[in-house]
Amino acid sequence: MIRLDGVTRTYGSDTSLVTALGGVDLEIGAGEYVAIMGPSGSGKSTMMNIIGCLDRPSEGDYHFEGLEVGRLPDRDRARLRGRVFGFVFQSYNLLPRLTALEQVELPLVYQQAPNRRRRAAEALVRVGLRERIHHRPSELSGGEQQRVAIARSLVVNPRLVLADEPTGALDTRTGEEVMHLLTDLVEDQGITVILVTHEQEVADYAYRTIRMRDGGIVEDTARREPATTNGATPLEDGSPLDPAAPRPLDREEVTPRSVEEIPPRSVEEIEA
């Protein structure tokens, strides 16, 4: 699903050049649940931003489902962010005057999608906010606001959810509830989840932990096999999942053994 080849990100001029990422190689498959850890300045947020098409590599290649997205035009990258990726941030990023329903509906408004109100309501019900649909952020707890943010990321039926310190502003109990919700996305819906965190307790929810330092990966540990999408199981020889398996999100995923097996694709094909 994701492959970084020699990805480097530098900032500044030749006289004051800062290397945030230095030649990172990484592969993440569909259905994985990955935690990225490291001290401040290790490059974890920079790598997250590149994966989410919020930033571009200075050098190297970034492939998503066989498409080299690092050099796509801004318009195509925006389409991927809006229709294929979901984002969850520590600060929630909710608009103060909008209700929970309106917040979740907003990505669909930008897409001019049909049935926006119904899809937004369904996403809020999925995160346990049936009774809080018409409340504004000031009327919601921190955990409820983060659930709204998660529902907003889910309403576009993403294939990948990127969560940057999703429990950073929450108390322990509420943080656990949010992490159980993210885990359900992987286990029940087959969505790939990548999260950045400083907290080992949060990283322990993930099936794989990547540790970074000084702009590079210093450790990559898998504790559990990736969740299979929608209850399907890989064949014994490791070949792709059964294409006839039911799709609760009505999405077709690509699950090849290696990215090299996928022919070059367009943004339109990934969105389909």
Protein backbone atom coordinates (compact mmCIF):
# COMPACT_ATOMS: atom_id res chain seq x y z
CA MET A 1 0.00 0.00 0.00
CA ILE A 2 2.72 2.48 1.06
CA ARG A 3 6.35 2.48 0.02
CA LEU A 4 9.01 5.08 0.74
CA ASP A 5 12.29 4.71 -1.18
CA GLY A 6 15.18 6.82 0.06
CA VAL A 7 12.86 9.63 1.18
CA THR A 8 14.72 12.71 2.40
CA ARG A 9 13.19 15.97 3.61
CA THR A 10 15.35 19.02 4.15
CA TYR A 11 14.44 22.57 5.14
CA GLY A 12 16.29 25.84 4.82
CA SER A 13 19.06 27.04 2.54
CA ASP A 14 22.51 25.63 1.85
CA THR A 15 24.00 27.69 4.67
CA SER A 16 21.44 26.53 7.26
CA LEU A 17 20.17 23.21 5.94
CA VAL A 18 18.18 21.04 8.36
CA THR A 19 17.59 17.38 7.50
CA ALA A 20 14.28 16.22 9.02
CA LEU A 21 14.32 12.86 7.18
CA GLY A 22 17.44 11.23 5.83
CA GLY A 23 16.94 8.55 3.19
CA VAL A 24 14.07 6.61 4.79
CA ASP A 25 12.98 3.27 3.30
CA LEU A 26 9.64 1.91 4.51
CA GLU A 27 6.80 -0.36 3.39
CA ILE A 28 3.37 -0.55 5.04
CA GLY A 29 0.75 -2.99 3.79
CA ALA A 30 -3.01 -2.69 3.61
CA GLY A 31 -4.73 -3.45 6.92
CA GLU A 32 -1.67 -2.70 9.07
CA TYR A 33 -1.88 -0.87 12.40
CA VAL A 34 1.37 1.04 12.85
CA ALA A 35 2.65 3.30 15.63
CA ILE A 36 5.51 5.69 14.91
CA MET A 37 7.50 6.74 17.97
CA GLY A 38 10.52 8.90 18.66
CA PRO A 39 11.71 11.98 20.55
CA SER A 40 10.97 15.50 19.34
CA GLY A 41 12.94 16.19 16.19
CA SER A 42 13.22 12.52 15.24
CA GLY A 43 11.32 13.00 11.97
CA LYS A 44 8.14 11.12 12.83
CA SER A 45 5.74 13.99 12.15
CA THR A 46 7.61 14.86 8.94
CA MET A 47 7.22 11.28 7.73
CA MET A 48 3.53 11.34 8.67
CA ASN A 49 3.05 14.57 6.71
CA ILE A 50 4.71 13.09 3.63
CA ILE A 51 2.60 9.93 3.81
CA GLY A 52 -0.54 12.08 4.14
CA CYS A 53 0.43 14.29 1.17
CA LEU A 54 0.69 17.32 3.47
CA ASP A 55 4.36 17.68 2.50
CA ARG A 56 6.65 16.52 -0.29
CA PRO A 57 9.99 14.67 -0.20
CA SER A 58 13.06 16.70 -1.11
CA GLU A 59 14.54 13.49 -2.53
CA GLY A 60 13.36 9.90 -2.98
CA ASP A 61 10.05 8.37 -4.03
CA TYR A 62 6.72 7.87 -2.26
CA HIS A 63 4.32 5.32 -3.76
CA PHE A 64 0.75 4.85 -2.59
CA GLU A 65 -1.00 1.81 -4.10
CA GLY A 66 1.45 1.88 -6.99
CA LEU A 67 1.07 5.59 -7.75
CA GLU A 68 4.11 7.86 -7.29
CA VAL A 69 2.37 10.61 -5.32
CA GLY A 70 5.39 12.59 -4.15
CA ARG A 71 5.51 14.57 -7.40
CA LEU A 72 1.81 14.79 -8.20
CA PRO A 73 0.32 18.22 -8.86
CA ASP A 74 -1.22 19.94 -5.84
CA ARG A 75 -4.75 19.39 -7.16
CA ASP A 76 -4.31 15.61 -7.37
CA ARG A 77 -2.70 15.45 -3.94
CA ALA A 78 -5.64 17.40 -2.51
CA ARG A 79 -8.03 14.86 -4.03
CA LEU A 80 -6.17 12.04 -2.32
CA ARG A 81 -6.29 13.87 1.02
CA GLY A 82 -9.99 14.52 0.68
CA ARG A 83 -11.19 11.17 -0.66
CA VAL A 84 -8.68 8.44 0.24
CA PHE A 85 -6.97 9.59 3.45
CA GLY A 86 -8.54 10.38 6.82
CA PHE A 87 -6.81 12.61 9.38
CA VAL A 88 -7.12 12.77 13.18
CA PHE A 89 -5.18 15.48 15.02
CA GLN A 90 -4.42 16.10 18.68
CA SER A 91 -6.15 19.50 18.60
CA TYR A 92 -9.38 18.16 16.99
CA ASN A 93 -9.52 21.10 14.50
CA LEU A 94 -13.25 21.63 14.92
CA LEU A 95 -15.00 24.86 13.90
CA PRO A 96 -16.60 26.44 16.99
CA ARG A 97 -19.91 27.47 15.40
CA LEU A 98 -20.73 24.19 13.67
CA THR A 99 -22.59 21.28 15.23
CA ALA A 100 -21.05 17.81 15.28
CA LEU A 101 -23.21 16.87 12.30
CA GLU A 102 -22.08 19.92 10.32
CA GLN A 103 -18.42 19.28 11.18
CA VAL A 104 -18.58 15.74 9.83
CA GLU A 105 -20.58 16.81 6.78
CA LEU A 106 -17.96 19.41 5.77
CA PRO A 107 -15.62 17.11 3.75
CA LEU A 108 -18.64 15.93 1.75
CA VAL A 109 -19.70 19.53 1.09
CA TYR A 110 -16.31 20.22 -0.49
CA GLN A 111 -16.74 17.11 -2.65
CA GLN A 112 -20.35 18.02 -3.52
CA ALA A 113 -21.21 14.46 -2.53
CA PRO A 114 -24.83 13.24 -2.41
CA ASN A 115 -26.64 12.22 0.81
CA ARG A 116 -24.25 14.30 2.89
CA ARG A 117 -26.43 14.71 5.97
CA ARG A 118 -27.29 11.01 6.16
CA ARG A 119 -23.66 9.90 5.71
CA ALA A 120 -22.47 12.34 8.36
CA ALA A 121 -25.10 11.13 10.83
CA GLU A 122 -24.15 7.51 10.18
CA ALA A 123 -20.47 8.28 10.84
CA LEU A 124 -21.34 9.92 14.17
CA VAL A 125 -23.45 6.93 15.18
CA ARG A 126 -20.49 4.65 14.37
CA VAL A 127 -18.34 6.51 16.93
CA GLY A 128 -21.04 6.46 19.61
CA LEU A 129 -22.33 10.04 19.33
CA ARG A 130 -25.95 9.41 18.35
CA GLU A 131 -27.18 11.67 21.17
CA ARG A 132 -24.65 14.48 20.54
CA ILE A 133 -25.19 15.07 16.83
CA HIS A 134 -26.55 18.61 17.23
CA HIS A 135 -24.05 19.79 19.88
CA ARG A 136 -21.31 22.33 19.20
CA PRO A 137 -17.68 21.82 20.35
CA SER A 138 -18.19 23.95 23.48
CA GLU A 139 -20.95 21.52 24.53
CA LEU A 140 -18.78 18.41 24.07
CA SER A 141 -16.07 16.86 26.24
CA GLY A 142 -12.54 16.44 24.89
CA GLY A 143 -13.17 12.77 24.16
CA GLU A 144 -16.42 13.57 22.36
CA GLN A 145 -14.67 16.23 20.27
CA GLN A 146 -12.01 13.70 19.26
CA ARG A 147 -14.77 11.26 18.31
CA VAL A 148 -16.27 13.94 16.08
CA ALA A 149 -12.85 14.36 14.47
CA ILE A 150 -12.63 10.59 13.90
CA ALA A 151 -16.14 10.54 12.42
CA ARG A 152 -15.12 13.39 10.09
CA SER A 153 -12.17 11.32 8.91
CA LEU A 154 -14.38 8.24 8.36
CA VAL A 155 -17.20 9.91 6.45
CA VAL A 156 -15.20 9.78 3.19
CA ASN A 157 -14.69 6.00 3.58
CA PRO A 158 -10.87 6.32 3.72
CA ARG A 159 -8.45 3.51 3.00
CA LEU A 160 -5.86 5.05 5.33
CA VAL A 161 -6.31 6.94 8.62
CA LEU A 162 -3.40 9.04 9.90
CA ALA A 163 -3.60 10.00 13.59
CA ASP A 164 -1.09 12.49 15.02
CA GLU A 165 -1.00 12.22 18.84
CA PRO A 166 -4.72 11.34 18.95
CA THR A 167 -4.77 11.01 22.76
CA GLY A 168 -2.35 13.83 23.57
CA ALA A 169 -5.03 16.20 24.91
CA LEU A 170 -7.13 13.54 26.66
CA ASP A 171 -7.19 11.96 30.11
CA THR A 172 -6.22 8.32 30.45
CA ARG A 173 -9.72 6.84 30.39
CA THR A 174 -10.89 8.92 27.43
CA GLY A 175 -7.63 8.19 25.61
CA GLU A 176 -8.27 4.47 26.01
CA GLU A 177 -11.76 4.86 24.52
CA VAL A 178 -10.32 6.67 21.49
CA MET A 179 -7.65 4.00 21.02
CA HIS A 180 -10.26 1.22 21.16
CA LEU A 181 -12.16 3.09 18.47
CA LEU A 182 -9.08 3.33 16.23
CA THR A 183 -8.37 -0.36 16.83
CA ASP A 184 -11.90 -1.21 15.71
CA LEU A 185 -11.24 0.57 12.42
CA VAL A 186 -8.45 -1.92 11.72
CA GLU A 187 -10.02 -5.08 13.10
CA ASP A 188 -13.62 -4.59 11.99
CA GLN A 189 -13.30 -2.50 8.83
CA GLY A 190 -9.85 -3.33 7.46
CA ILE A 191 -8.75 0.32 7.39
CA THR A 192 -5.01 0.93 7.60
CA VAL A 193 -4.17 3.10 10.63
CA ILE A 194 -0.86 4.90 11.20
CA LEU A 195 -0.46 6.90 14.39
CA VAL A 196 2.29 9.10 15.81
CA THR A 197 2.68 9.04 19.58
CA HIS A 198 5.12 9.71 22.42
CA GLU A 199 3.29 7.27 24.71
CA GLN A 200 4.27 3.62 24.89
CA GLU A 201 0.82 2.74 26.25
CA VAL A 202 -0.73 4.13 23.07
CA ALA A 203 1.82 2.44 20.79
CA ASP A 204 1.05 -0.90 22.44
CA TYR A 205 -2.38 -0.91 20.77
CA ALA A 206 -0.70 -1.10 17.35
CA TYR A 207 0.50 -4.31 15.73
CA ARG A 208 3.78 -2.78 14.59
CA THR A 209 6.00 -0.09 16.13
CA ILE A 210 8.51 2.00 14.20
CA ARG A 211 11.02 3.97 16.26
CA MET A 212 12.78 6.98 14.79
CA ARG A 213 15.78 9.07 15.78
CA ASP A 214 17.67 11.83 13.97
CA GLY A 215 15.59 11.53 10.82
CA GLY A 216 15.90 7.77 10.38
CA ILE A 217 14.26 4.50 11.41
CA VAL A 218 16.26 2.78 14.14
CA GLU A 219 13.82 -0.02 15.01
CA ASP A 220 10.87 -1.69 13.29
CA THR A 221 9.09 -4.32 15.36
CA ALA A 222 5.94 -6.28 14.45
CA ARG A 223 4.03 -7.84 17.34
CA ARG A 224 1.07 -9.16 15.36
CA GLU A 225 0.08 -9.91 11.79
CA PRO A 226 -1.92 -7.19 9.98
CA ALA A 227 -5.68 -7.45 10.24
CA THR A 228 -7.25 -9.04 7.18
CA THR A 229 -9.80 -6.84 5.52
CA ASN A 230 -13.44 -7.59 6.28
CA GLY A 231 -12.77 -10.94 7.88
CA ALA A 232 -11.11 -12.44 4.80
CA THR A 233 -7.96 -14.51 5.28
CA PRO A 234 -4.86 -14.49 3.07
CA LEU A 235 -4.16 -17.68 1.18
CA GLU A 236 -1.51 -19.97 2.61
CA ASP A 237 1.04 -18.99 -0.02
CA GLY A 238 0.65 -15.31 0.90
CA SER A 239 -1.26 -14.38 -2.22
CA PRO A 240 -3.84 -11.56 -2.17
CA LEU A 241 -7.07 -11.74 -0.23
CA ASP A 242 -10.12 -13.25 -1.86
CA PRO A 243 -11.43 -10.53 -4.19
CA ALA A 244 -14.95 -11.85 -3.74
CA ALA A 245 -14.93 -11.12 0.01
CA PRO A 246 -17.70 -8.72 1.14
CA ARG A 247 -16.75 -5.02 1.35
CA PRO A 248 -18.56 -3.21 4.20
CA LEU A 249 -17.10 0.12 3.07
CA ASP A 250 -17.83 -0.66 -0.61
CA ARG A 251 -14.17 -0.08 -1.45
CA GLU A 252 -11.85 -2.18 -3.60
CA GLU A 253 -8.41 -2.50 -2.06
CA VAL A 254 -5.16 -3.57 -3.65
CA THR A 255 -3.33 -6.22 -1.64
CA PRO A 256 -0.43 -7.49 -3.79
CA ARG A 257 2.62 -9.26 -2.42
CA SER A 258 4.81 -6.34 -3.42
CA VAL A 259 4.33 -2.88 -4.83
CA GLU A 260 6.30 -3.85 -7.93
CA GLU A 261 3.39 -6.08 -9.01
CA ILE A 262 1.08 -3.08 -9.36
CA PRO A 263 1.16 -1.22 -12.69
CA PRO A 264 1.33 2.58 -12.52
CA ARG A 265 -2.04 4.00 -11.53
CA SER A 266 -3.85 7.29 -11.71
CA VAL A 267 -5.56 9.25 -8.94
CA GLU A 268 -8.90 8.41 -10.57
CA GLU A 269 -8.18 4.66 -10.24
CA ILE A 270 -7.26 5.00 -6.56
CA GLU A 271 -10.40 7.02 -5.83
CA ALA A 272 -12.65 4.50 -7.59
